[in-house]
Amino acid sequence: SGELRAVGLMAGESKIGEWNYFYPSGKKNAI
């Protein structure tokens, strides 16, 4: 639906460091 779901860093194809996840409402889902 277009809302931000997650943001974090990638090194190649791998996630690294802190990732923040959000509900469609924009509120925190997970870290």
PDB file of all heavy atoms in Angstrom:
ATOM      1  N   SER A   1       0.814  -1.223   0.000  1.00  0.00           N
ATOM      2  CA  SER A   1       0.000   0.000   0.000  1.00  0.00           C
ATOM      3  C   SER A   1       0.847   1.273   0.000  1.00  0.00           C
ATOM      4  O   SER A   1       0.317   2.376  -0.052  1.00  0.00           O
ATOM      5  CB  SER A   1      -0.939   0.000   1.209  1.00  0.00           C
ATOM      6  OG  SER A   1      -0.213  -0.253   2.403  1.00  0.00           O
ATOM      7  N   GLY A   2       2.191   1.107   0.084  1.00  0.00           N
ATOM      8  CA  GLY A   2       3.076   2.257  -0.048  1.00  0.00           C
ATOM      9  C   GLY A   2       3.715   2.767   1.226  1.00  0.00           C
ATOM     10  O   GLY A   2       4.668   3.546   1.173  1.00  0.00           O
ATOM     11  N   GLU A   3       3.233   2.313   2.393  1.00  0.00           N
ATOM     12  CA  GLU A   3       3.800   2.798   3.651  1.00  0.00           C
ATOM     13  C   GLU A   3       5.160   2.140   3.917  1.00  0.00           C
ATOM     14  O   GLU A   3       5.413   1.007   3.518  1.00  0.00           O
ATOM     15  CB  GLU A   3       2.873   2.510   4.836  1.00  0.00           C
ATOM     16  CG  GLU A   3       1.556   3.252   4.795  1.00  0.00           C
ATOM     17  CD  GLU A   3       0.483   2.493   4.039  1.00  0.00           C
ATOM     18  OE1 GLU A   3       0.817   1.433   3.438  1.00  0.00           O
ATOM     19  OE2 GLU A   3      -0.678   2.941   4.022  1.00  0.00           O
ATOM     20  N   LEU A   4       6.022   2.881   4.598  1.00  0.00           N
ATOM     21  CA  LEU A   4       7.345   2.372   4.935  1.00  0.00           C
ATOM     22  C   LEU A   4       7.211   1.177   5.875  1.00  0.00           C
ATOM     23  O   LEU A   4       6.569   1.266   6.918  1.00  0.00           O
ATOM     24  CB  LEU A   4       8.180   3.475   5.594  1.00  0.00           C
ATOM     25  CG  LEU A   4       9.604   3.089   6.008  1.00  0.00           C
ATOM     26  CD1 LEU A   4      10.453   2.740   4.788  1.00  0.00           C
ATOM     27  CD2 LEU A   4      10.255   4.224   6.805  1.00  0.00           C
ATOM     28  N   ARG A   5       7.862   0.075   5.533  1.00  0.00           N
ATOM     29  CA  ARG A   5       7.819  -1.139   6.353  1.00  0.00           C
ATOM     30  C   ARG A   5       9.096  -1.313   7.161  1.00  0.00           C
ATOM     31  O   ARG A   5       9.054  -1.727   8.321  1.00  0.00           O
ATOM     32  CB  ARG A   5       7.613  -2.359   5.466  1.00  0.00           C
ATOM     33  CG  ARG A   5       7.615  -3.681   6.224  1.00  0.00           C
ATOM     34  CD  ARG A   5       7.415  -4.874   5.291  1.00  0.00           C
ATOM     35  NE  ARG A   5       7.535  -6.130   6.025  1.00  0.00           N
ATOM     36  CZ  ARG A   5       8.681  -6.756   6.249  1.00  0.00           C
ATOM     37  NH1 ARG A   5       9.820  -6.250   5.768  1.00  0.00           N
ATOM     38  NH2 ARG A   5       8.714  -7.884   6.927  1.00  0.00           N
ATOM     39  N   ALA A   6      10.252  -1.010   6.549  1.00  0.00           N
ATOM     40  CA  ALA A   6      11.521  -1.217   7.237  1.00  0.00           C
ATOM     41  C   ALA A   6      12.609  -0.341   6.634  1.00  0.00           C
ATOM     42  O   ALA A   6      12.549   0.025   5.455  1.00  0.00           O
ATOM     43  CB  ALA A   6      11.946  -2.680   7.157  1.00  0.00           C
ATOM     44  N   VAL A   7      13.599  -0.010   7.454  1.00  0.00           N
ATOM     45  CA  VAL A   7      14.755   0.746   6.962  1.00  0.00           C
ATOM     46  C   VAL A   7      15.991   0.270   7.714  1.00  0.00           C
ATOM     47  O   VAL A   7      15.955   0.024   8.921  1.00  0.00           O
ATOM     48  CB  VAL A   7      14.556   2.274   7.146  1.00  0.00           C
ATOM     49  CG1 VAL A   7      14.331   2.635   8.609  1.00  0.00           C
ATOM     50  CG2 VAL A   7      15.729   3.039   6.579  1.00  0.00           C
ATOM     51  N   GLY A   8      17.096   0.096   6.975  1.00  0.00           N
ATOM     52  CA  GLY A   8      18.338  -0.359   7.583  1.00  0.00           C
ATOM     53  C   GLY A   8      19.450  -0.369   6.567  1.00  0.00           C
ATOM     54  O   GLY A   8      19.301   0.159   5.457  1.00  0.00           O
ATOM     55  N   LEU A   9      20.565  -0.964   6.926  1.00  0.00           N
ATOM     56  CA  LEU A   9      21.734  -0.998   6.054  1.00  0.00           C
ATOM     57  C   LEU A   9      21.912  -2.364   5.423  1.00  0.00           C
ATOM     58  O   LEU A   9      21.624  -3.398   6.030  1.00  0.00           O
ATOM     59  CB  LEU A   9      22.998  -0.634   6.828  1.00  0.00           C
ATOM     60  CG  LEU A   9      23.128   0.808   7.318  1.00  0.00           C
ATOM     61  CD1 LEU A   9      24.390   0.957   8.159  1.00  0.00           C
ATOM     62  CD2 LEU A   9      23.141   1.774   6.144  1.00  0.00           C
ATOM     63  N   MET A  10      22.415  -2.345   4.188  1.00  0.00           N
ATOM     64  CA  MET A  10      22.743  -3.563   3.468  1.00  0.00           C
ATOM     65  C   MET A  10      24.215  -3.520   3.076  1.00  0.00           C
ATOM     66  O   MET A  10      24.747  -2.472   2.693  1.00  0.00           O
ATOM     67  CB  MET A  10      21.894  -3.698   2.199  1.00  0.00           C
ATOM     68  CG  MET A  10      20.408  -3.806   2.414  1.00  0.00           C
ATOM     69  SD  MET A  10      19.898  -5.419   3.052  1.00  0.00           S
ATOM     70  CE  MET A  10      20.283  -6.480   1.653  1.00  0.00           C
ATOM     71  N   ALA A  11      24.873  -4.664   3.179  1.00  0.00           N
ATOM     72  CA  ALA A  11      26.230  -4.826   2.656  1.00  0.00           C
ATOM     73  C   ALA A  11      26.118  -5.922   1.612  1.00  0.00           C
ATOM     74  O   ALA A  11      26.035  -7.105   1.937  1.00  0.00           O
ATOM     75  CB  ALA A  11      27.207  -5.220   3.754  1.00  0.00           C
ATOM     76  N   GLY A  12      26.055  -5.518   0.368  1.00  0.00           N
ATOM     77  CA  GLY A  12      25.773  -6.479  -0.683  1.00  0.00           C
ATOM     78  C   GLY A  12      24.349  -6.969  -0.546  1.00  0.00           C
ATOM     79  O   GLY A  12      23.412  -6.178  -0.540  1.00  0.00           O
ATOM     80  N   GLU A  13      24.180  -8.279  -0.365  1.00  0.00           N
ATOM     81  CA  GLU A  13      22.849  -8.869  -0.215  1.00  0.00           C
ATOM     82  C   GLU A  13      22.487  -9.127   1.244  1.00  0.00           C
ATOM     83  O   GLU A  13      21.467  -9.733   1.546  1.00  0.00           O
ATOM     84  CB  GLU A  13      22.782 -10.198  -0.992  1.00  0.00           C
ATOM     85  CG  GLU A  13      22.977 -10.067  -2.495  1.00  0.00           C
ATOM     86  CD  GLU A  13      21.884  -9.244  -3.144  1.00  0.00           C
ATOM     87  OE1 GLU A  13      20.705  -9.414  -2.764  1.00  0.00           O
ATOM     88  OE2 GLU A  13      22.211  -8.421  -4.007  1.00  0.00           O
ATOM     89  N   SER A  14      23.346  -8.683   2.172  1.00  0.00           N
ATOM     90  CA  SER A  14      23.157  -8.995   3.591  1.00  0.00           C
ATOM     91  C   SER A  14      22.777  -7.774   4.413  1.00  0.00           C
ATOM     92  O   SER A  14      23.353  -6.691   4.242  1.00  0.00           O
ATOM     93  CB  SER A  14      24.442  -9.606   4.165  1.00  0.00           C
ATOM     94  OG  SER A  14      24.786 -10.798   3.494  1.00  0.00           O
ATOM     95  N   LYS A  15      21.836  -7.971   5.331  1.00  0.00           N
ATOM     96  CA  LYS A  15      21.488  -6.920   6.280  1.00  0.00           C
ATOM     97  C   LYS A  15      22.597  -6.792   7.313  1.00  0.00           C
ATOM     98  O   LYS A  15      23.162  -7.797   7.755  1.00  0.00           O
ATOM     99  CB  LYS A  15      20.168  -7.244   6.986  1.00  0.00           C
ATOM    100  CG  LYS A  15      18.945  -7.186   6.095  1.00  0.00           C
ATOM    101  CD  LYS A  15      17.680  -7.510   6.876  1.00  0.00           C
ATOM    102  CE  LYS A  15      16.449  -7.401   5.993  1.00  0.00           C
ATOM    103  NZ  LYS A  15      15.204  -7.705   6.737  1.00  0.00           N
ATOM    104  N   ILE A  16      22.896  -5.562   7.697  1.00  0.00           N
ATOM    105  CA  ILE A  16      23.891  -5.319   8.733  1.00  0.00           C
ATOM    106  C   ILE A  16      23.392  -4.219   9.658  1.00  0.00           C
ATOM    107  O   ILE A  16      22.539  -3.409   9.291  1.00  0.00           O
ATOM    108  CB  ILE A  16      25.272  -4.918   8.157  1.00  0.00           C
ATOM    109  CG1 ILE A  16      25.163  -3.618   7.339  1.00  0.00           C
ATOM    110  CG2 ILE A  16      25.866  -6.029   7.316  1.00  0.00           C
ATOM    111  CD1 ILE A  16      26.508  -3.031   6.936  1.00  0.00           C
ATOM    112  N   GLY A  17      23.928  -4.193  10.876  1.00  0.00           N
ATOM    113  CA  GLY A  17      23.590  -3.121  11.807  1.00  0.00           C
ATOM    114  C   GLY A  17      22.133  -3.123  12.228  1.00  0.00           C
ATOM    115  O   GLY A  17      21.448  -4.145  12.212  1.00  0.00           O
ATOM    116  N   GLU A  18      21.656  -1.963  12.607  1.00  0.00           N
ATOM    117  CA  GLU A  18      20.290  -1.827  13.131  1.00  0.00           C
ATOM    118  C   GLU A  18      19.267  -1.673  12.017  1.00  0.00           C
ATOM    119  O   GLU A  18      19.454  -0.885  11.096  1.00  0.00           O
ATOM    120  CB  GLU A  18      20.217  -0.610  14.057  1.00  0.00           C
ATOM    121  CG  GLU A  18      18.847  -0.422  14.706  1.00  0.00           C
ATOM    122  CD  GLU A  18      18.836   0.694  15.727  1.00  0.00           C
ATOM    123  OE1 GLU A  18      19.496   0.546  16.775  1.00  0.00           O
ATOM    124  OE2 GLU A  18      18.185   1.739  15.464  1.00  0.00           O
ATOM    125  N   TRP A  19      18.189  -2.426  12.140  1.00  0.00           N
ATOM    126  CA  TRP A  19      17.049  -2.304  11.239  1.00  0.00           C
ATOM    127  C   TRP A  19      15.823  -1.938  12.056  1.00  0.00           C
ATOM    128  O   TRP A  19      15.582  -2.504  13.126  1.00  0.00           O
ATOM    129  CB  TRP A  19      16.794  -3.625  10.508  1.00  0.00           C
ATOM    130  CG  TRP A  19      17.615  -3.735   9.245  1.00  0.00           C
ATOM    131  CD1 TRP A  19      18.962  -3.923   9.160  1.00  0.00           C
ATOM    132  CD2 TRP A  19      17.129  -3.635   7.911  1.00  0.00           C
ATOM    133  NE1 TRP A  19      19.350  -3.954   7.846  1.00  0.00           N
ATOM    134  CE2 TRP A  19      18.245  -3.780   7.059  1.00  0.00           C
ATOM    135  CE3 TRP A  19      15.873  -3.451   7.344  1.00  0.00           C
ATOM    136  CZ2 TRP A  19      18.131  -3.735   5.670  1.00  0.00           C
ATOM    137  CZ3 TRP A  19      15.753  -3.406   5.965  1.00  0.00           C
ATOM    138  CH2 TRP A  19      16.879  -3.546   5.140  1.00  0.00           C
ATOM    139  N   ASN A  20      15.069  -0.984  11.548  1.00  0.00           N
ATOM    140  CA  ASN A  20      13.840  -0.536  12.193  1.00  0.00           C
ATOM    141  C   ASN A  20      12.643  -0.919  11.331  1.00  0.00           C
ATOM    142  O   ASN A  20      12.620  -0.650  10.125  1.00  0.00           O
ATOM    143  CB  ASN A  20      13.856   0.978  12.401  1.00  0.00           C
ATOM    144  CG  ASN A  20      14.821   1.388  13.502  1.00  0.00           C
ATOM    145  OD1 ASN A  20      14.461   1.445  14.670  1.00  0.00           O
ATOM    146  ND2 ASN A  20      16.072   1.660  13.133  1.00  0.00           N
ATOM    147  N   TYR A  21      11.651  -1.550  11.980  1.00  0.00           N
ATOM    148  CA  TYR A  21      10.445  -1.981  11.288  1.00  0.00           C
ATOM    149  C   TYR A  21       9.249  -1.191  11.810  1.00  0.00           C
ATOM    150  O   TYR A  21       9.215  -0.793  12.971  1.00  0.00           O
ATOM    151  CB  TYR A  21      10.210  -3.482  11.498  1.00  0.00           C
ATOM    152  CG  TYR A  21      11.269  -4.333  10.848  1.00  0.00           C
ATOM    153  CD1 TYR A  21      12.496  -4.554  11.469  1.00  0.00           C
ATOM    154  CD2 TYR A  21      11.051  -4.918   9.599  1.00  0.00           C
ATOM    155  CE1 TYR A  21      13.485  -5.330  10.869  1.00  0.00           C
ATOM    156  CE2 TYR A  21      12.018  -5.703   8.993  1.00  0.00           C
ATOM    157  CZ  TYR A  21      13.234  -5.902   9.629  1.00  0.00           C
ATOM    158  OH  TYR A  21      14.213  -6.670   9.031  1.00  0.00           O
ATOM    159  N   PHE A  22       8.261  -0.997  10.911  1.00  0.00           N
ATOM    160  CA  PHE A  22       7.114  -0.163  11.254  1.00  0.00           C
ATOM    161  C   PHE A  22       5.807  -0.829  10.843  1.00  0.00           C
ATOM    162  O   PHE A  22       5.755  -1.598   9.879  1.00  0.00           O
ATOM    163  CB  PHE A  22       7.219   1.195  10.538  1.00  0.00           C
ATOM    164  CG  PHE A  22       8.497   1.925  10.805  1.00  0.00           C
ATOM    165  CD1 PHE A  22       9.590   1.737   9.978  1.00  0.00           C
ATOM    166  CD2 PHE A  22       8.622   2.767  11.902  1.00  0.00           C
ATOM    167  CE1 PHE A  22      10.792   2.400  10.227  1.00  0.00           C
ATOM    168  CE2 PHE A  22       9.815   3.425  12.161  1.00  0.00           C
ATOM    169  CZ  PHE A  22      10.910   3.240  11.314  1.00  0.00           C
ATOM    170  N   TYR A  23       4.753  -0.533  11.593  1.00  0.00           N
ATOM    171  CA  TYR A  23       3.411  -0.910  11.183  1.00  0.00           C
ATOM    172  C   TYR A  23       2.969   0.039  10.069  1.00  0.00           C
ATOM    173  O   TYR A  23       3.549   1.130   9.907  1.00  0.00           O
ATOM    174  CB  TYR A  23       2.446  -0.794  12.365  1.00  0.00           C
ATOM    175  CG  TYR A  23       2.638  -1.860  13.425  1.00  0.00           C
ATOM    176  CD1 TYR A  23       3.297  -1.571  14.625  1.00  0.00           C
ATOM    177  CD2 TYR A  23       2.137  -3.146  13.239  1.00  0.00           C
ATOM    178  CE1 TYR A  23       3.471  -2.549  15.599  1.00  0.00           C
ATOM    179  CE2 TYR A  23       2.298  -4.126  14.210  1.00  0.00           C
ATOM    180  CZ  TYR A  23       2.965  -3.822  15.383  1.00  0.00           C
ATOM    181  OH  TYR A  23       3.130  -4.788  16.339  1.00  0.00           O
ATOM    182  N   PRO A  24       1.935  -0.337   9.298  1.00  0.00           N
ATOM    183  CA  PRO A  24       1.441   0.571   8.252  1.00  0.00           C
ATOM    184  C   PRO A  24       1.061   1.947   8.798  1.00  0.00           C
ATOM    185  O   PRO A  24       1.103   2.945   8.070  1.00  0.00           O
ATOM    186  CB  PRO A  24       0.221  -0.163   7.694  1.00  0.00           C
ATOM    187  CG  PRO A  24       0.530  -1.609   7.919  1.00  0.00           C
ATOM    188  CD  PRO A  24       1.251  -1.641   9.250  1.00  0.00           C
ATOM    189  N   SER A  25       0.721   2.002  10.077  1.00  0.00           N
ATOM    190  CA  SER A  25       0.358   3.276  10.708  1.00  0.00           C
ATOM    191  C   SER A  25       1.568   4.191  10.907  1.00  0.00           C
ATOM    192  O   SER A  25       1.414   5.374  11.203  1.00  0.00           O
ATOM    193  CB  SER A  25      -0.289   3.016  12.066  1.00  0.00           C
ATOM    194  OG  SER A  25       0.656   2.419  12.951  1.00  0.00           O
ATOM    195  N   GLY A  26       2.773   3.617  10.768  1.00  0.00           N
ATOM    196  CA  GLY A  26       3.986   4.392  10.996  1.00  0.00           C
ATOM    197  C   GLY A  26       4.581   4.182  12.372  1.00  0.00           C
ATOM    198  O   GLY A  26       5.704   4.618  12.661  1.00  0.00           O
ATOM    199  N   LYS A  27       3.859   3.487  13.248  1.00  0.00           N
ATOM    200  CA  LYS A  27       4.369   3.224  14.590  1.00  0.00           C
ATOM    201  C   LYS A  27       5.389   2.081  14.560  1.00  0.00           C
ATOM    202  O   LYS A  27       5.364   1.232  13.680  1.00  0.00           O
ATOM    203  CB  LYS A  27       3.221   2.901  15.545  1.00  0.00           C
ATOM    204  CG  LYS A  27       2.299   4.102  15.795  1.00  0.00           C
ATOM    205  CD  LYS A  27       1.268   3.778  16.848  1.00  0.00           C
ATOM    206  CE  LYS A  27       0.366   4.980  17.140  1.00  0.00           C
ATOM    207  NZ  LYS A  27       1.134   6.096  17.747  1.00  0.00           N
ATOM    208  N   LYS A  28       6.255   2.065  15.573  1.00  0.00           N
ATOM    209  CA  LYS A  28       7.310   1.057  15.651  1.00  0.00           C
ATOM    210  C   LYS A  28       6.722  -0.345  15.733  1.00  0.00           C
ATOM    211  O   LYS A  28       5.791  -0.594  16.484  1.00  0.00           O
ATOM    212  CB  LYS A  28       8.186   1.299  16.884  1.00  0.00           C
ATOM    213  CG  LYS A  28       9.187   2.409  16.745  1.00  0.00           C
ATOM    214  CD  LYS A  28      10.113   2.463  17.959  1.00  0.00           C
ATOM    215  CE  LYS A  28       9.352   2.775  19.245  1.00  0.00           C
ATOM    216  NZ  LYS A  28      10.277   2.969  20.402  1.00  0.00           N
ATOM    217  N   ASN A  29       7.331  -1.252  14.995  1.00  0.00           N
ATOM    218  CA  ASN A  29       6.972  -2.666  15.030  1.00  0.00           C
ATOM    219  C   ASN A  29       8.085  -3.480  15.680  1.00  0.00           C
ATOM    220  O   ASN A  29       7.838  -4.315  16.540  1.00  0.00           O
ATOM    221  CB  ASN A  29       6.717  -3.165  13.603  1.00  0.00           C
ATOM    222  CG  ASN A  29       6.259  -4.605  13.553  1.00  0.00           C
ATOM    223  OD1 ASN A  29       6.672  -5.437  14.346  1.00  0.00           O
ATOM    224  ND2 ASN A  29       5.409  -4.911  12.591  1.00  0.00           N
ATOM    225  N   ALA A  30       9.330  -3.215  15.280  1.00  0.00           N
ATOM    226  CA  ALA A  30      10.464  -3.963  15.828  1.00  0.00           C
ATOM    227  C   ALA A  30      11.770  -3.227  15.556  1.00  0.00           C
ATOM    228  O   ALA A  30      11.865  -2.412  14.633  1.00  0.00           O
ATOM    229  CB  ALA A  30      10.529  -5.356  15.224  1.00  0.00           C
ATOM    230  N   ILE A  31      12.764  -3.529  16.381  1.00  0.00           N
ATOM    231  CA  ILE A  31      14.137  -3.068  16.155  1.00  0.00           C
ATOM    232  C   ILE A  31      15.028  -4.298  16.210  1.00  0.00           C
ATOM    233  O   ILE A  31      15.037  -5.017  17.210  1.00  0.00           O
ATOM    234  CB  ILE A  31      14.593  -2.044  17.210  1.00  0.00           C
ATOM    235  CG1 ILE A  31      13.688  -0.810  17.181  1.00  0.00           C
ATOM    236  CG2 ILE A  31      16.052  -1.629  16.970  1.00  0.00           C
ATOM    237  CD1 ILE A  31      13.986   0.190  18.294  1.00  0.00           C
TER     238      ILE A  31
END
